[in-house]
Amino acid sequence: MYHIFTPIELKEFVSVLLLKHKDFEDDNEYINDLFNDSISWQRKLISFNHFLSIVIEQLEKRGIDCSNLVQSIYSQVDTCHFEIQEGDIRFLESLFKNDFGSSLTLEEELIEAQNRIEK
């Protein structure tokens, strides 16, 4: 099993579990369950470095110190089943093999490309 974070989910994950800046909003409580599954290696969590850069930019604009955030995110790889998709060759091939048409957003196209790799 795996779960690919959307930018909104990643922002919640970072804000609550890494920065401990706030509590989960009610409709995002499931992210904590996903994280617990990843700690026990039952589910792989996947984030795109593109989404991470967006989240960091948003948090910094709100005045939140993100100086240690990148290190904290990458250290998750050592403690749970977590992957940051940085655009490796498998991902790029998956991304460019299929034409999704113009109906999908960039975020949706990235997630679909990763879904093809994980299956």
C-alpha atoms as a PDB file:
ATOM      1  CA  MET A   1       0.000   0.000   0.000  1.00  0.00           C
ATOM      2  CA  TYR A   2       1.062   3.556  -0.599  1.00  0.00           C
ATOM      3  CA  HIS A   3      -0.256   7.079  -0.388  1.00  0.00           C
ATOM      4  CA  ILE A   4       0.904  10.061  -2.422  1.00  0.00           C
ATOM      5  CA  PHE A   5       0.558  13.338  -0.563  1.00  0.00           C
ATOM      6  CA  THR A   6      -1.274  16.169  -2.239  1.00  0.00           C
ATOM      7  CA  PRO A   7       0.175  19.623  -1.497  1.00  0.00           C
ATOM      8  CA  ILE A   8      -2.573  20.210   1.105  1.00  0.00           C
ATOM      9  CA  GLU A   9      -1.901  16.886   2.834  1.00  0.00           C
ATOM     10  CA  LEU A  10       1.841  17.499   2.819  1.00  0.00           C
ATOM     11  CA  LYS A  11       1.336  20.929   4.387  1.00  0.00           C
ATOM     12  CA  GLU A  12      -0.738  19.328   7.182  1.00  0.00           C
ATOM     13  CA  PHE A  13       1.857  16.569   7.648  1.00  0.00           C
ATOM     14  CA  VAL A  14       4.666  19.104   7.926  1.00  0.00           C
ATOM     15  CA  SER A  15       2.760  21.585  10.097  1.00  0.00           C
ATOM     16  CA  VAL A  16       1.457  19.034  12.583  1.00  0.00           C
ATOM     17  CA  LEU A  17       3.939  16.169  12.739  1.00  0.00           C
ATOM     18  CA  LEU A  18       7.255  17.847  11.946  1.00  0.00           C
ATOM     19  CA  LEU A  19       6.930  21.479  12.988  1.00  0.00           C
ATOM     20  CA  LYS A  20       4.354  20.724  15.687  1.00  0.00           C
ATOM     21  CA  HIS A  21       2.906  24.106  14.784  1.00  0.00           C
ATOM     22  CA  LYS A  22      -0.759  23.120  15.115  1.00  0.00           C
ATOM     23  CA  ASP A  23      -3.169  20.228  15.560  1.00  0.00           C
ATOM     24  CA  PHE A  24      -4.777  18.340  12.692  1.00  0.00           C
ATOM     25  CA  GLU A  25      -7.933  19.823  11.299  1.00  0.00           C
ATOM     26  CA  ASP A  26     -10.801  17.358  11.754  1.00  0.00           C
ATOM     27  CA  ASP A  27     -10.995  16.397   8.088  1.00  0.00           C
ATOM     28  CA  ASN A  28      -7.221  15.726   7.983  1.00  0.00           C
ATOM     29  CA  GLU A  29      -6.955  13.384  11.012  1.00  0.00           C
ATOM     30  CA  TYR A  30      -6.444  10.494   8.607  1.00  0.00           C
ATOM     31  CA  ILE A  31      -2.938  11.829   7.877  1.00  0.00           C
ATOM     32  CA  ASN A  32      -1.875  10.760  11.357  1.00  0.00           C
ATOM     33  CA  ASP A  33      -3.158   7.235  10.596  1.00  0.00           C
ATOM     34  CA  LEU A  34      -1.199   7.230   7.331  1.00  0.00           C
ATOM     35  CA  PHE A  35       1.920   8.283   9.219  1.00  0.00           C
ATOM     36  CA  ASN A  36       1.439   5.556  11.832  1.00  0.00           C
ATOM     37  CA  ASP A  37       1.058   3.000   9.032  1.00  0.00           C
ATOM     38  CA  SER A  38       4.325   4.216   7.522  1.00  0.00           C
ATOM     39  CA  ILE A  39       6.153   3.881  10.849  1.00  0.00           C
ATOM     40  CA  SER A  40       5.178   0.201  10.937  1.00  0.00           C
ATOM     41  CA  TRP A  41       6.100  -0.088   7.217  1.00  0.00           C
ATOM     42  CA  GLN A  42       2.524  -1.010   6.263  1.00  0.00           C
ATOM     43  CA  ARG A  43       2.152   1.940   3.898  1.00  0.00           C
ATOM     44  CA  LYS A  44       4.639   3.949   1.874  1.00  0.00           C
ATOM     45  CA  LEU A  45       4.137   7.705   1.984  1.00  0.00           C
ATOM     46  CA  ILE A  46       5.299   9.586  -1.090  1.00  0.00           C
ATOM     47  CA  SER A  47       5.889  13.281  -1.561  1.00  0.00           C
ATOM     48  CA  PHE A  48       7.162  15.209  -4.542  1.00  0.00           C
ATOM     49  CA  ASN A  49      10.024  17.626  -3.991  1.00  0.00           C
ATOM     50  CA  HIS A  50       7.971  20.087  -6.075  1.00  0.00           C
ATOM     51  CA  PHE A  51       5.128  19.936  -3.514  1.00  0.00           C
ATOM     52  CA  LEU A  52       7.632  20.282  -0.680  1.00  0.00           C
ATOM     53  CA  SER A  53       9.040  23.480  -2.155  1.00  0.00           C
ATOM     54  CA  ILE A  54       5.516  24.906  -2.427  1.00  0.00           C
ATOM     55  CA  VAL A  55       4.768  24.029   1.206  1.00  0.00           C
ATOM     56  CA  ILE A  56       8.027  25.543   2.471  1.00  0.00           C
ATOM     57  CA  GLU A  57       7.365  28.736   0.525  1.00  0.00           C
ATOM     58  CA  GLN A  58       3.839  28.998   1.963  1.00  0.00           C
ATOM     59  CA  LEU A  59       5.040  28.421   5.525  1.00  0.00           C
ATOM     60  CA  GLU A  60       7.869  30.941   5.213  1.00  0.00           C
ATOM     61  CA  LYS A  61       5.431  33.563   3.903  1.00  0.00           C
ATOM     62  CA  ARG A  62       3.451  33.030   7.116  1.00  0.00           C
ATOM     63  CA  GLY A  63       6.604  33.731   9.128  1.00  0.00           C
ATOM     64  CA  ILE A  64       7.267  30.117  10.160  1.00  0.00           C
ATOM     65  CA  ASP A  65      10.943  29.184  10.532  1.00  0.00           C
ATOM     66  CA  CYS A  66      11.635  26.363   8.071  1.00  0.00           C
ATOM     67  CA  SER A  67      15.422  26.304   8.395  1.00  0.00           C
ATOM     68  CA  ASN A  68      15.514  22.700   9.655  1.00  0.00           C
ATOM     69  CA  LEU A  69      12.492  21.461   7.752  1.00  0.00           C
ATOM     70  CA  VAL A  70      14.283  19.979   4.736  1.00  0.00           C
ATOM     71  CA  GLN A  71      16.572  17.966   6.994  1.00  0.00           C
ATOM     72  CA  SER A  72      13.578  16.859   9.066  1.00  0.00           C
ATOM     73  CA  ILE A  73      11.655  15.748   5.968  1.00  0.00           C
ATOM     74  CA  TYR A  74      14.563  13.789   4.548  1.00  0.00           C
ATOM     75  CA  SER A  75      15.239  12.148   7.927  1.00  0.00           C
ATOM     76  CA  GLN A  76      11.769  10.584   7.764  1.00  0.00           C
ATOM     77  CA  VAL A  77      13.237   8.119   5.280  1.00  0.00           C
ATOM     78  CA  ASP A  78      15.214   6.615   8.184  1.00  0.00           C
ATOM     79  CA  THR A  79      12.276   6.291  10.592  1.00  0.00           C
ATOM     80  CA  CYS A  80       9.344   5.277   8.404  1.00  0.00           C
ATOM     81  CA  HIS A  81       8.397   4.144   4.912  1.00  0.00           C
ATOM     82  CA  PHE A  82       8.678   7.563   3.284  1.00  0.00           C
ATOM     83  CA  GLU A  83       9.929   8.532  -0.158  1.00  0.00           C
ATOM     84  CA  ILE A  84      10.539  11.883  -1.767  1.00  0.00           C
ATOM     85  CA  GLN A  85      10.101  11.678  -5.514  1.00  0.00           C
ATOM     86  CA  GLU A  86      12.776  13.855  -7.023  1.00  0.00           C
ATOM     87  CA  GLY A  87      12.107  13.043 -10.653  1.00  0.00           C
ATOM     88  CA  ASP A  88      14.148   9.883 -11.170  1.00  0.00           C
ATOM     89  CA  ILE A  89      14.277   8.217 -14.577  1.00  0.00           C
ATOM     90  CA  ARG A  90      11.332   5.879 -13.857  1.00  0.00           C
ATOM     91  CA  PHE A  91       9.176   8.841 -12.894  1.00  0.00           C
ATOM     92  CA  LEU A  92      10.156  10.900 -15.933  1.00  0.00           C
ATOM     93  CA  GLU A  93       9.479   7.980 -18.269  1.00  0.00           C
ATOM     94  CA  SER A  94       6.092   7.459 -16.637  1.00  0.00           C
ATOM     95  CA  LEU A  95       5.286  11.150 -16.836  1.00  0.00           C
ATOM     96  CA  PHE A  96       6.082  11.481 -20.535  1.00  0.00           C
ATOM     97  CA  LYS A  97       4.744   8.128 -21.769  1.00  0.00           C
ATOM     98  CA  ASN A  98       1.120   9.069 -21.313  1.00  0.00           C
ATOM     99  CA  ASP A  99      -0.845  12.023 -22.521  1.00  0.00           C
ATOM    100  CA  PHE A 100      -3.375  13.029 -19.877  1.00  0.00           C
ATOM    101  CA  GLY A 101      -4.926  15.788 -21.928  1.00  0.00           C
ATOM    102  CA  SER A 102      -5.469  19.276 -20.665  1.00  0.00           C
ATOM    103  CA  SER A 103      -8.103  18.386 -18.073  1.00  0.00           C
ATOM    104  CA  LEU A 104      -5.643  17.533 -15.271  1.00  0.00           C
ATOM    105  CA  THR A 105      -3.707  19.997 -13.181  1.00  0.00           C
ATOM    106  CA  LEU A 106       0.050  19.688 -12.853  1.00  0.00           C
ATOM    107  CA  GLU A 107      -0.382  18.189  -9.387  1.00  0.00           C
ATOM    108  CA  GLU A 108      -2.829  15.580 -10.717  1.00  0.00           C
ATOM    109  CA  GLU A 109      -0.490  14.657 -13.574  1.00  0.00           C
ATOM    110  CA  LEU A 110       2.432  14.195 -11.161  1.00  0.00           C
ATOM    111  CA  ILE A 111       0.345  11.980  -8.888  1.00  0.00           C
ATOM    112  CA  GLU A 112      -0.904   9.878 -11.824  1.00  0.00           C
ATOM    113  CA  ALA A 113       2.652   9.383 -13.086  1.00  0.00           C
ATOM    114  CA  GLN A 114       3.740   8.173  -9.638  1.00  0.00           C
ATOM    115  CA  ASN A 115       0.677   5.907  -9.389  1.00  0.00           C
ATOM    116  CA  ARG A 116       1.801   4.096 -12.548  1.00  0.00           C
ATOM    117  CA  ILE A 117       5.213   3.452 -10.995  1.00  0.00           C
ATOM    118  CA  GLU A 118       3.783   2.105  -7.751  1.00  0.00           C
ATOM    119  CA  LYS A 119       1.413  -0.378  -9.417  1.00  0.00           C
END
